[in-house]
PDB file of N, CA and C in Angstrom:
ATOM      1  N   UNK A   1       0.848  -1.168   0.000  1.00  0.00           N
ATOM      2  CA  UNK A   1       0.000   0.000   0.000  1.00  0.00           C
ATOM      3  C   UNK A   1       0.897   1.235   0.000  1.00  0.00           C
ATOM      4  N   UNK A   2       0.630   2.152  -0.898  1.00  0.00           N
ATOM      5  CA  UNK A   2       1.421   3.368  -1.019  1.00  0.00           C
ATOM      6  C   UNK A   2       0.950   4.414  -0.016  1.00  0.00           C
ATOM      7  N   UNK A   3       1.872   5.248   0.370  1.00  0.00           N
ATOM      8  CA  UNK A   3       1.563   6.359   1.262  1.00  0.00           C
ATOM      9  C   UNK A   3       2.082   7.631   0.597  1.00  0.00           C
ATOM     10  N   UNK A   4       1.196   8.596   0.378  1.00  0.00           N
ATOM     11  CA  UNK A   4       1.571   9.811  -0.338  1.00  0.00           C
ATOM     12  C   UNK A   4       1.201  11.045   0.463  1.00  0.00           C
ATOM     13  N   UNK A   5       1.917  12.127   0.174  1.00  0.00           N
ATOM     14  CA  UNK A   5       1.455  13.417   0.669  1.00  0.00           C
ATOM     15  C   UNK A   5       0.467  13.968  -0.368  1.00  0.00           C
ATOM     16  N   UNK A   6      -0.078  15.138  -0.110  1.00  0.00           N
ATOM     17  CA  UNK A   6      -1.123  15.676  -0.981  1.00  0.00           C
ATOM     18  C   UNK A   6      -0.630  15.885  -2.414  1.00  0.00           C
ATOM     19  N   UNK A   7       0.560  16.441  -2.583  1.00  0.00           N
ATOM     20  CA  UNK A   7       1.084  16.693  -3.928  1.00  0.00           C
ATOM     21  C   UNK A   7       1.305  15.396  -4.702  1.00  0.00           C
ATOM     22  N   UNK A   8       1.807  14.377  -4.028  1.00  0.00           N
ATOM     23  CA  UNK A   8       2.013  13.086  -4.680  1.00  0.00           C
ATOM     24  C   UNK A   8       0.682  12.474  -5.099  1.00  0.00           C
ATOM     25  N   UNK A   9      -0.317  12.619  -4.255  1.00  0.00           N
ATOM     26  CA  UNK A   9      -1.652  12.108  -4.607  1.00  0.00           C
ATOM     27  C   UNK A   9      -2.198  12.827  -5.826  1.00  0.00           C
ATOM     28  N   UNK A  10      -2.052  14.133  -5.878  1.00  0.00           N
ATOM     29  CA  UNK A  10      -2.540  14.909  -7.021  1.00  0.00           C
ATOM     30  C   UNK A  10      -1.881  14.427  -8.316  1.00  0.00           C
ATOM     31  N   UNK A  11      -0.577  14.208  -8.290  1.00  0.00           N
ATOM     32  CA  UNK A  11       0.130  13.732  -9.477  1.00  0.00           C
ATOM     33  C   UNK A  11      -0.356  12.339  -9.876  1.00  0.00           C
ATOM     34  N   UNK A  12      -0.589  11.483  -8.891  1.00  0.00           N
ATOM     35  CA  UNK A  12      -1.101  10.137  -9.160  1.00  0.00           C
ATOM     36  C   UNK A  12      -2.464  10.206  -9.839  1.00  0.00           C
ATOM     37  N   UNK A  13      -3.333  11.039  -9.327  1.00  0.00           N
ATOM     38  CA  UNK A  13      -4.681  11.166  -9.888  1.00  0.00           C
ATOM     39  C   UNK A  13      -4.613  11.686 -11.326  1.00  0.00           C
ATOM     40  N   UNK A  14      -3.759  12.649 -11.578  1.00  0.00           N
ATOM     41  CA  UNK A  14      -3.665  13.245 -12.909  1.00  0.00           C
ATOM     42  C   UNK A  14      -3.084  12.294 -13.948  1.00  0.00           C
ATOM     43  N   UNK A  15      -2.122  11.425 -13.554  1.00  0.00           N
ATOM     44  CA  UNK A  15      -1.394  10.630 -14.537  1.00  0.00           C
ATOM     45  C   UNK A  15      -1.806   9.177 -14.676  1.00  0.00           C
ATOM     46  N   UNK A  16      -2.356   8.597 -13.664  1.00  0.00           N
ATOM     47  CA  UNK A  16      -2.482   7.142 -13.733  1.00  0.00           C
ATOM     48  C   UNK A  16      -3.912   6.680 -13.533  1.00  0.00           C
ATOM     49  N   UNK A  17      -4.078   5.391 -13.706  1.00  0.00           N
ATOM     50  CA  UNK A  17      -5.373   4.792 -13.424  1.00  0.00           C
ATOM     51  C   UNK A  17      -5.612   4.818 -11.930  1.00  0.00           C
ATOM     52  N   UNK A  18      -6.840   5.048 -11.575  1.00  0.00           N
ATOM     53  CA  UNK A  18      -7.183   5.144 -10.164  1.00  0.00           C
ATOM     54  C   UNK A  18      -7.218   3.773  -9.505  1.00  0.00           C
ATOM     55  N   UNK A  19      -6.875   3.744  -8.252  1.00  0.00           N
ATOM     56  CA  UNK A  19      -6.953   2.523  -7.475  1.00  0.00           C
ATOM     57  C   UNK A  19      -8.383   2.250  -7.043  1.00  0.00           C
ATOM     58  N   UNK A  20      -8.587   1.142  -6.372  1.00  0.00           N
ATOM     59  CA  UNK A  20      -9.925   0.768  -5.916  1.00  0.00           C
ATOM     60  C   UNK A  20     -10.236   1.274  -4.517  1.00  0.00           C
ATOM     61  N   UNK A  21      -9.196   1.643  -3.762  1.00  0.00           N
ATOM     62  CA  UNK A  21      -9.413   2.038  -2.366  1.00  0.00           C
ATOM     63  C   UNK A  21      -8.414   3.118  -1.968  1.00  0.00           C
ATOM     64  N   UNK A  22      -8.917   4.168  -1.356  1.00  0.00           N
ATOM     65  CA  UNK A  22      -8.080   5.235  -0.820  1.00  0.00           C
ATOM     66  C   UNK A  22      -8.529   5.518   0.606  1.00  0.00           C
ATOM     67  N   UNK A  23      -7.566   5.732   1.475  1.00  0.00           N
ATOM     68  CA  UNK A  23      -7.847   6.097   2.859  1.00  0.00           C
ATOM     69  C   UNK A  23      -7.185   7.436   3.117  1.00  0.00           C
ATOM     70  N   UNK A  24      -7.995   8.450   3.364  1.00  0.00           N
ATOM     71  CA  UNK A  24      -7.489   9.782   3.681  1.00  0.00           C
ATOM     72  C   UNK A  24      -7.693  10.010   5.162  1.00  0.00           C
ATOM     73  N   UNK A  25      -6.649  10.451   5.832  1.00  0.00           N
ATOM     74  CA  UNK A  25      -6.763  10.715   7.260  1.00  0.00           C
ATOM     75  C   UNK A  25      -5.829  11.852   7.635  1.00  0.00           C
ATOM     76  N   UNK A  26      -6.094  12.439   8.762  1.00  0.00           N
ATOM     77  CA  UNK A  26      -5.245  13.513   9.260  1.00  0.00           C
ATOM     78  C   UNK A  26      -6.076  14.643   9.823  1.00  0.00           C
ATOM     79  N   UNK A  27      -5.385  15.596  10.363  1.00  0.00           N
ATOM     80  CA  UNK A  27      -6.068  16.716  11.015  1.00  0.00           C
ATOM     81  C   UNK A  27      -6.391  17.841  10.047  1.00  0.00           C
ATOM     82  N   UNK A  28      -5.814  17.816   8.865  1.00  0.00           N
ATOM     83  CA  UNK A  28      -6.030  18.879   7.889  1.00  0.00           C
ATOM     84  C   UNK A  28      -7.239  18.540   7.016  1.00  0.00           C
ATOM     85  N   UNK A  29      -8.416  18.915   7.491  1.00  0.00           N
ATOM     86  CA  UNK A  29      -9.676  18.587   6.821  1.00  0.00           C
ATOM     87  C   UNK A  29      -9.733  19.196   5.418  1.00  0.00           C
ATOM     88  N   UNK A  30      -9.173  20.367   5.259  1.00  0.00           N
ATOM     89  CA  UNK A  30      -9.184  21.024   3.951  1.00  0.00           C
ATOM     90  C   UNK A  30      -8.499  20.161   2.901  1.00  0.00           C
ATOM     91  N   UNK A  31      -7.344  19.595   3.228  1.00  0.00           N
ATOM     92  CA  UNK A  31      -6.620  18.760   2.267  1.00  0.00           C
ATOM     93  C   UNK A  31      -7.373  17.469   1.953  1.00  0.00           C
ATOM     94  N   UNK A  32      -8.018  16.897   2.952  1.00  0.00           N
ATOM     95  CA  UNK A  32      -8.829  15.700   2.718  1.00  0.00           C
ATOM     96  C   UNK A  32      -9.966  16.040   1.756  1.00  0.00           C
ATOM     97  N   UNK A  33     -10.640  17.158   1.995  1.00  0.00           N
ATOM     98  CA  UNK A  33     -11.725  17.577   1.101  1.00  0.00           C
ATOM     99  C   UNK A  33     -11.213  17.851  -0.316  1.00  0.00           C
ATOM    100  N   UNK A  34     -10.041  18.451  -0.437  1.00  0.00           N
ATOM    101  CA  UNK A  34      -9.457  18.717  -1.747  1.00  0.00           C
ATOM    102  C   UNK A  34      -9.100  17.416  -2.466  1.00  0.00           C
ATOM    103  N   UNK A  35      -8.593  16.437  -1.729  1.00  0.00           N
ATOM    104  CA  UNK A  35      -8.262  15.146  -2.327  1.00  0.00           C
ATOM    105  C   UNK A  35      -9.521  14.469  -2.865  1.00  0.00           C
ATOM    106  N   UNK A  36     -10.592  14.520  -2.093  1.00  0.00           N
ATOM    107  CA  UNK A  36     -11.866  13.944  -2.542  1.00  0.00           C
ATOM    108  C   UNK A  36     -12.373  14.683  -3.779  1.00  0.00           C
ATOM    109  N   UNK A  37     -12.259  15.993  -3.758  1.00  0.00           N
ATOM    110  CA  UNK A  37     -12.694  16.799  -4.904  1.00  0.00           C
ATOM    111  C   UNK A  37     -11.898  16.427  -6.155  1.00  0.00           C
ATOM    112  N   UNK A  38     -10.596  16.211  -6.015  1.00  0.00           N
ATOM    113  CA  UNK A  38      -9.762  15.822  -7.156  1.00  0.00           C
ATOM    114  C   UNK A  38     -10.190  14.472  -7.724  1.00  0.00           C
ATOM    115  N   UNK A  39     -10.480  13.516  -6.834  1.00  0.00           N
ATOM    116  CA  UNK A  39     -10.959  12.211  -7.301  1.00  0.00           C
ATOM    117  C   UNK A  39     -12.292  12.342  -8.024  1.00  0.00           C
ATOM    118  N   UNK A  40     -13.205  13.129  -7.463  1.00  0.00           N
ATOM    119  CA  UNK A  40     -14.501  13.335  -8.113  1.00  0.00           C
ATOM    120  C   UNK A  40     -14.319  13.919  -9.511  1.00  0.00           C
ATOM    121  N   UNK A  41     -13.477  14.920  -9.608  1.00  0.00           N
ATOM    122  CA  UNK A  41     -13.242  15.559 -10.903  1.00  0.00           C
ATOM    123  C   UNK A  41     -12.719  14.560 -11.919  1.00  0.00           C
ATOM    124  N   UNK A  42     -11.763  13.750 -11.511  1.00  0.00           N
ATOM    125  CA  UNK A  42     -11.170  12.759 -12.420  1.00  0.00           C
ATOM    126  C   UNK A  42     -12.189  11.688 -12.831  1.00  0.00           C
ATOM    127  N   UNK A  43     -12.919  11.158 -11.857  1.00  0.00           N
ATOM    128  CA  UNK A  43     -13.871  10.081 -12.135  1.00  0.00           C
ATOM    129  C   UNK A  43     -15.031  10.574 -12.988  1.00  0.00           C
ATOM    130  N   UNK A  44     -15.533  11.764 -12.677  1.00  0.00           N
ATOM    131  CA  UNK A  44     -16.745  12.236 -13.337  1.00  0.00           C
ATOM    132  C   UNK A  44     -16.484  13.099 -14.557  1.00  0.00           C
ATOM    133  N   UNK A  45     -15.236  13.099 -15.064  1.00  0.00           N
ATOM    134  CA  UNK A  45     -14.989  13.795 -16.318  1.00  0.00           C
ATOM    135  C   UNK A  45     -15.538  12.990 -17.492  1.00  0.00           C
ATOM    136  N   UNK A  46     -15.751  11.684 -17.281  1.00  0.00           N
ATOM    137  CA  UNK A  46     -16.270  10.843 -18.368  1.00  0.00           C
ATOM    138  C   UNK A  46     -17.556  10.110 -18.001  1.00  0.00           C
ATOM    139  N   UNK A  47     -18.062  10.309 -16.803  1.00  0.00           N
ATOM    140  CA  UNK A  47     -19.290   9.619 -16.414  1.00  0.00           C
ATOM    141  C   UNK A  47     -20.127  10.532 -15.519  1.00  0.00           C
ATOM    142  N   UNK A  48     -21.436  10.357 -15.538  1.00  0.00           N
ATOM    143  CA  UNK A  48     -22.313  11.234 -14.759  1.00  0.00           C
ATOM    144  C   UNK A  48     -22.273  10.917 -13.260  1.00  0.00           C
ATOM    145  N   UNK A  49     -22.098  11.941 -12.456  1.00  0.00           N
ATOM    146  CA  UNK A  49     -22.029  11.775 -11.004  1.00  0.00           C
ATOM    147  C   UNK A  49     -23.377  11.356 -10.414  1.00  0.00           C
ATOM    148  N   UNK A  50     -24.464  11.773 -11.033  1.00  0.00           N
ATOM    149  CA  UNK A  50     -25.792  11.465 -10.495  1.00  0.00           C
ATOM    150  C   UNK A  50     -26.007   9.975 -10.287  1.00  0.00           C
ATOM    151  N   UNK A  51     -25.498   9.174 -11.191  1.00  0.00           N
ATOM    152  CA  UNK A  51     -25.721   7.732 -11.129  1.00  0.00           C
ATOM    153  C   UNK A  51     -24.561   6.970 -10.481  1.00  0.00           C
ATOM    154  N   UNK A  52     -23.415   7.611 -10.345  1.00  0.00           N
ATOM    155  CA  UNK A  52     -22.210   6.885  -9.981  1.00  0.00           C
ATOM    156  C   UNK A  52     -21.529   7.384  -8.705  1.00  0.00           C
ATOM    157  N   UNK A  53     -22.279   8.012  -7.830  1.00  0.00           N
ATOM    158  CA  UNK A  53     -21.704   8.519  -6.588  1.00  0.00           C
ATOM    159  C   UNK A  53     -22.637   8.212  -5.417  1.00  0.00           C
ATOM    160  N   UNK A  54     -22.080   7.608  -4.383  1.00  0.00           N
ATOM    161  CA  UNK A  54     -22.813   7.361  -3.146  1.00  0.00           C
ATOM    162  C   UNK A  54     -21.950   7.802  -1.978  1.00  0.00           C
ATOM    163  N   UNK A  55     -22.590   8.396  -0.992  1.00  0.00           N
ATOM    164  CA  UNK A  55     -21.883   8.896   0.179  1.00  0.00           C
ATOM    165  C   UNK A  55     -22.525   8.336   1.441  1.00  0.00           C
ATOM    166  N   UNK A  56     -21.684   7.900   2.375  1.00  0.00           N
ATOM    167  CA  UNK A  56     -22.141   7.327   3.633  1.00  0.00           C
ATOM    168  C   UNK A  56     -21.398   7.994   4.784  1.00  0.00           C
ATOM    169  N   UNK A  57     -21.996   7.918   5.972  1.00  0.00           N
ATOM    170  CA  UNK A  57     -21.381   8.461   7.180  1.00  0.00           C
ATOM    171  C   UNK A  57     -21.271   7.363   8.231  1.00  0.00           C
ATOM    172  N   UNK A  58     -20.135   7.308   8.895  1.00  0.00           N
ATOM    173  CA  UNK A  58     -19.857   6.259   9.863  1.00  0.00           C
ATOM    174  C   UNK A  58     -20.846   6.187  11.011  1.00  0.00           C
ATOM    175  N   UNK A  59     -21.415   7.311  11.405  1.00  0.00           N
ATOM    176  CA  UNK A  59     -22.337   7.332  12.538  1.00  0.00           C
ATOM    177  C   UNK A  59     -23.645   6.612  12.286  1.00  0.00           C
ATOM    178  N   UNK A  60     -24.082   6.561  11.043  1.00  0.00           N
ATOM    179  CA  UNK A  60     -25.367   5.911  10.730  1.00  0.00           C
ATOM    180  C   UNK A  60     -25.228   4.992   9.508  1.00  0.00           C
ATOM    181  N   UNK A  61     -24.180   4.217   9.488  1.00  0.00           N
ATOM    182  CA  UNK A  61     -23.884   3.362   8.341  1.00  0.00           C
ATOM    183  C   UNK A  61     -24.740   2.113   8.327  1.00  0.00           C
ATOM    184  N   UNK A  62     -25.334   1.833   7.177  1.00  0.00           N
ATOM    185  CA  UNK A  62     -26.018   0.569   6.921  1.00  0.00           C
ATOM    186  C   UNK A  62     -25.060  -0.267   6.079  1.00  0.00           C
ATOM    187  N   UNK A  63     -24.489  -1.280   6.682  1.00  0.00           N
ATOM    188  CA  UNK A  63     -23.446  -2.076   6.030  1.00  0.00           C
ATOM    189  C   UNK A  63     -23.949  -2.744   4.754  1.00  0.00           C
ATOM    190  N   UNK A  64     -25.215  -3.168   4.723  1.00  0.00           N
ATOM    191  CA  UNK A  64     -25.761  -3.794   3.513  1.00  0.00           C
ATOM    192  C   UNK A  64     -25.828  -2.794   2.363  1.00  0.00           C
ATOM    193  N   UNK A  65     -26.234  -1.556   2.676  1.00  0.00           N
ATOM    194  CA  UNK A  65     -26.276  -0.529   1.633  1.00  0.00           C
ATOM    195  C   UNK A  65     -24.887  -0.211   1.110  1.00  0.00           C
ATOM    196  N   UNK A  66     -23.902  -0.130   2.012  1.00  0.00           N
ATOM    197  CA  UNK A  66     -22.532   0.131   1.589  1.00  0.00           C
ATOM    198  C   UNK A  66     -22.036  -0.996   0.682  1.00  0.00           C
ATOM    199  N   UNK A  67     -22.240  -2.221   1.085  1.00  0.00           N
ATOM    200  CA  UNK A  67     -21.805  -3.364   0.298  1.00  0.00           C
ATOM    201  C   UNK A  67     -22.462  -3.363  -1.076  1.00  0.00           C
ATOM    202  N   UNK A  68     -23.748  -3.102  -1.116  1.00  0.00           N
ATOM    203  CA  UNK A  68     -24.484  -3.049  -2.377  1.00  0.00           C
ATOM    204  C   UNK A  68     -23.956  -1.934  -3.274  1.00  0.00           C
ATOM    205  N   UNK A  69     -23.686  -0.797  -2.686  1.00  0.00           N
ATOM    206  CA  UNK A  69     -23.176   0.341  -3.448  1.00  0.00           C
ATOM    207  C   UNK A  69     -21.799   0.044  -4.040  1.00  0.00           C
ATOM    208  N   UNK A  70     -20.957  -0.616  -3.269  1.00  0.00           N
ATOM    209  CA  UNK A  70     -19.618  -0.965  -3.758  1.00  0.00           C
ATOM    210  C   UNK A  70     -19.679  -1.950  -4.919  1.00  0.00           C
ATOM    211  N   UNK A  71     -20.667  -2.819  -4.925  1.00  0.00           N
ATOM    212  CA  UNK A  71     -20.775  -3.862  -5.943  1.00  0.00           C
ATOM    213  C   UNK A  71     -21.578  -3.438  -7.171  1.00  0.00           C
ATOM    214  N   UNK A  72     -22.227  -2.267  -7.109  1.00  0.00           N
ATOM    215  CA  UNK A  72     -23.035  -1.792  -8.227  1.00  0.00           C
ATOM    216  C   UNK A  72     -22.125  -1.353  -9.373  1.00  0.00           C
ATOM    217  N   UNK A  73     -22.453  -1.771 -10.572  1.00  0.00           N
ATOM    218  CA  UNK A  73     -21.677  -1.377 -11.744  1.00  0.00           C
ATOM    219  C   UNK A  73     -21.980   0.076 -12.104  1.00  0.00           C
ATOM    220  N   UNK A  74     -21.005   0.780 -12.655  1.00  0.00           N
ATOM    221  CA  UNK A  74     -21.236   2.171 -13.049  1.00  0.00           C
ATOM    222  C   UNK A  74     -22.206   2.260 -14.222  1.00  0.00           C
ATOM    223  N   UNK A  75     -22.964   3.350 -14.242  1.00  0.00           N
ATOM    224  CA  UNK A  75     -23.924   3.571 -15.313  1.00  0.00           C
ATOM    225  C   UNK A  75     -23.397   4.674 -16.231  1.00  0.00           C
ATOM    226  N   UNK A  76     -23.278   4.370 -17.494  1.00  0.00           N
ATOM    227  CA  UNK A  76     -22.823   5.319 -18.516  1.00  0.00           C
ATOM    228  C   UNK A  76     -21.440   5.888 -18.198  1.00  0.00           C
ATOM    229  N   UNK A  77     -20.573   5.063 -17.649  1.00  0.00           N
ATOM    230  CA  UNK A  77     -19.220   5.506 -17.341  1.00  0.00           C
ATOM    231  C   UNK A  77     -18.347   4.329 -16.955  1.00  0.00           C
ATOM    232  N   UNK A  78     -17.092   4.644 -16.630  1.00  0.00           N
ATOM    233  CA  UNK A  78     -16.130   3.596 -16.306  1.00  0.00           C
ATOM    234  C   UNK A  78     -16.028   3.295 -14.817  1.00  0.00           C
ATOM    235  N   UNK A  79     -16.284   4.295 -13.980  1.00  0.00           N
ATOM    236  CA  UNK A  79     -16.052   4.145 -12.540  1.00  0.00           C
ATOM    237  C   UNK A  79     -17.214   4.714 -11.734  1.00  0.00           C
ATOM    238  N   UNK A  80     -17.321   4.165 -10.521  1.00  0.00           N
ATOM    239  CA  UNK A  80     -18.219   4.708  -9.488  1.00  0.00           C
ATOM    240  C   UNK A  80     -17.345   5.220  -8.352  1.00  0.00           C
ATOM    241  N   UNK A  81     -17.858   6.173  -7.593  1.00  0.00           N
ATOM    242  CA  UNK A  81     -17.171   6.661  -6.405  1.00  0.00           C
ATOM    243  C   UNK A  81     -18.080   6.430  -5.211  1.00  0.00           C
ATOM    244  N   UNK A  82     -17.559   5.720  -4.219  1.00  0.00           N
ATOM    245  CA  UNK A  82     -18.280   5.483  -2.970  1.00  0.00           C
ATOM    246  C   UNK A  82     -17.442   6.101  -1.862  1.00  0.00           C
ATOM    247  N   UNK A  83     -18.058   7.022  -1.136  1.00  0.00           N
ATOM    248  CA  UNK A  83     -17.361   7.797  -0.124  1.00  0.00           C
ATOM    249  C   UNK A  83     -17.912   7.458   1.257  1.00  0.00           C
ATOM    250  N   UNK A  84     -17.024   7.142   2.179  1.00  0.00           N
ATOM    251  CA  UNK A  84     -17.401   6.886   3.568  1.00  0.00           C
ATOM    252  C   UNK A  84     -16.707   7.927   4.437  1.00  0.00           C
ATOM    253  N   UNK A  85     -17.486   8.812   5.013  1.00  0.00           N
ATOM    254  CA  UNK A  85     -16.929   9.847   5.898  1.00  0.00           C
ATOM    255  C   UNK A  85     -17.147   9.434   7.351  1.00  0.00           C
ATOM    256  N   UNK A  86     -16.348  10.004   8.213  1.00  0.00           N
ATOM    257  CA  UNK A  86     -16.435   9.751   9.662  1.00  0.00           C
ATOM    258  C   UNK A  86     -16.290   8.271  10.002  1.00  0.00           C
ATOM    259  N   UNK A  87     -15.370   7.616   9.336  1.00  0.00           N
ATOM    260  CA  UNK A  87     -15.136   6.190   9.584  1.00  0.00           C
ATOM    261  C   UNK A  87     -14.640   5.932  11.001  1.00  0.00           C
ATOM    262  N   UNK A  88     -14.128   6.972  11.656  1.00  0.00           N
ATOM    263  CA  UNK A  88     -13.663   6.807  13.036  1.00  0.00           C
ATOM    264  C   UNK A  88     -14.815   6.542  14.004  1.00  0.00           C
ATOM    265  N   UNK A  89     -16.046   6.722  13.566  1.00  0.00           N
ATOM    266  CA  UNK A  89     -17.213   6.468  14.406  1.00  0.00           C
ATOM    267  C   UNK A  89     -17.728   5.036  14.284  1.00  0.00           C
ATOM    268  N   UNK A  90     -17.093   4.239  13.446  1.00  0.00           N
ATOM    269  CA  UNK A  90     -17.536   2.860  13.257  1.00  0.00           C
ATOM    270  C   UNK A  90     -17.109   1.978  14.421  1.00  0.00           C
ATOM    271  N   UNK A  91     -17.907   0.963  14.651  1.00  0.00           N
ATOM    272  CA  UNK A  91     -17.569  -0.037  15.668  1.00  0.00           C
ATOM    273  C   UNK A  91     -16.576  -1.034  15.083  1.00  0.00           C
ATOM    274  N   UNK A  92     -15.909  -1.769  15.950  1.00  0.00           N
ATOM    275  CA  UNK A  92     -14.883  -2.723  15.516  1.00  0.00           C
ATOM    276  C   UNK A  92     -15.449  -3.756  14.539  1.00  0.00           C
ATOM    277  N   UNK A  93     -16.650  -4.250  14.797  1.00  0.00           N
ATOM    278  CA  UNK A  93     -17.251  -5.252  13.914  1.00  0.00           C
ATOM    279  C   UNK A  93     -17.499  -4.672  12.521  1.00  0.00           C
ATOM    280  N   UNK A  94     -17.907  -3.403  12.454  1.00  0.00           N
ATOM    281  CA  UNK A  94     -18.140  -2.760  11.160  1.00  0.00           C
ATOM    282  C   UNK A  94     -16.822  -2.556  10.417  1.00  0.00           C
ATOM    283  N   UNK A  95     -15.782  -2.195  11.143  1.00  0.00           N
ATOM    284  CA  UNK A  95     -14.468  -2.028  10.517  1.00  0.00           C
ATOM    285  C   UNK A  95     -13.960  -3.351   9.946  1.00  0.00           C
ATOM    286  N   UNK A  96     -14.227  -4.444  10.652  1.00  0.00           N
ATOM    287  CA  UNK A  96     -13.827  -5.757  10.150  1.00  0.00           C
ATOM    288  C   UNK A  96     -14.561  -6.091   8.856  1.00  0.00           C
ATOM    289  N   UNK A  97     -15.854  -5.759   8.782  1.00  0.00           N
ATOM    290  CA  UNK A  97     -16.615  -6.013   7.561  1.00  0.00           C
ATOM    291  C   UNK A  97     -16.086  -5.170   6.400  1.00  0.00           C
ATOM    292  N   UNK A  98     -15.718  -3.934   6.702  1.00  0.00           N
ATOM    293  CA  UNK A  98     -15.160  -3.077   5.655  1.00  0.00           C
ATOM    294  C   UNK A  98     -13.818  -3.628   5.190  1.00  0.00           C
ATOM    295  N   UNK A  99     -13.018  -4.116   6.117  1.00  0.00           N
ATOM    296  CA  UNK A  99     -11.741  -4.726   5.744  1.00  0.00           C
ATOM    297  C   UNK A  99     -11.963  -5.909   4.801  1.00  0.00           C
ATOM    298  N   UNK A 100     -13.006  -6.683   5.049  1.00  0.00           N
ATOM    299  CA  UNK A 100     -13.344  -7.790   4.151  1.00  0.00           C
ATOM    300  C   UNK A 100     -13.742  -7.274   2.770  1.00  0.00           C
ATOM    301  N   UNK A 101     -14.527  -6.190   2.750  1.00  0.00           N
ATOM    302  CA  UNK A 101     -14.983  -5.640   1.475  1.00  0.00           C
ATOM    303  C   UNK A 101     -13.818  -5.132   0.625  1.00  0.00           C
ATOM    304  N   UNK A 102     -12.853  -4.477   1.250  1.00  0.00           N
ATOM    305  CA  UNK A 102     -11.743  -3.914   0.475  1.00  0.00           C
ATOM    306  C   UNK A 102     -10.663  -4.942   0.172  1.00  0.00           C
ATOM    307  N   UNK A 103     -10.733  -6.103   0.812  1.00  0.00           N
ATOM    308  CA  UNK A 103      -9.727  -7.134   0.540  1.00  0.00           C
ATOM    309  C   UNK A 103      -9.890  -7.725  -0.859  1.00  0.00           C
ATOM    310  N   UNK A 104     -11.076  -7.596  -1.422  1.00  0.00           N
ATOM    311  CA  UNK A 104     -11.337  -8.044  -2.795  1.00  0.00           C
ATOM    312  C   UNK A 104     -11.799  -6.816  -3.576  1.00  0.00           C
ATOM    313  N   UNK A 105     -10.848  -6.070  -4.143  1.00  0.00           N
ATOM    314  CA  UNK A 105     -11.203  -4.814  -4.817  1.00  0.00           C
ATOM    315  C   UNK A 105     -12.066  -5.034  -6.048  1.00  0.00           C
ATOM    316  N   UNK A 106     -12.916  -4.071  -6.303  1.00  0.00           N
ATOM    317  CA  UNK A 106     -13.782  -4.089  -7.470  1.00  0.00           C
ATOM    318  C   UNK A 106     -13.245  -3.025  -8.436  1.00  0.00           C
ATOM    319  N   UNK A 107     -12.851  -3.442  -9.605  1.00  0.00           N
ATOM    320  CA  UNK A 107     -12.168  -2.555 -10.555  1.00  0.00           C
ATOM    321  C   UNK A 107     -13.001  -1.340 -10.977  1.00  0.00           C
ATOM    322  N   UNK A 108     -14.304  -1.452 -10.926  1.00  0.00           N
ATOM    323  CA  UNK A 108     -15.145  -0.362 -11.400  1.00  0.00           C
ATOM    324  C   UNK A 108     -15.557   0.615 -10.307  1.00  0.00           C
ATOM    325  N   UNK A 109     -15.102   0.389  -9.079  1.00  0.00           N
ATOM    326  CA  UNK A 109     -15.474   1.233  -7.956  1.00  0.00           C
ATOM    327  C   UNK A 109     -14.234   1.793  -7.265  1.00  0.00           C
ATOM    328  N   UNK A 110     -14.270   3.087  -6.978  1.00  0.00           N
ATOM    329  CA  UNK A 110     -13.254   3.728  -6.161  1.00  0.00           C
ATOM    330  C   UNK A 110     -13.901   3.995  -4.812  1.00  0.00           C
ATOM    331  N   UNK A 111     -13.376   3.365  -3.770  1.00  0.00           N
ATOM    332  CA  UNK A 111     -13.921   3.481  -2.413  1.00  0.00           C
ATOM    333  C   UNK A 111     -12.975   4.343  -1.583  1.00  0.00           C
ATOM    334  N   UNK A 112     -13.507   5.423  -1.065  1.00  0.00           N
ATOM    335  CA  UNK A 112     -12.717   6.356  -0.254  1.00  0.00           C
ATOM    336  C   UNK A 112     -13.300   6.378   1.141  1.00  0.00           C
TER     337      UNK A 112
END
């Protein structure tokens, strides 16, 4: 697993194929938001965001909905973006389920 600073991530997004899973963390919320914005821009330059973007929050996460969203194929595009915010609010059992989900990456979904 690669570890990048913000500038390295920006270069990766601009030049290469996107990975299936990204974990953004840290105290600088602005940079995390900018990183997410960069991914959205890259993913949705060729596909509609309306059909290919789902957002979840750790405080009220429905694991079945998250799993279903990750497995849904993109509509009229190459990639989907699934965003999970406030993951620090998840319980240990939920984190284990997420670890299982990301252990088998889905090429058509970018999970952040």
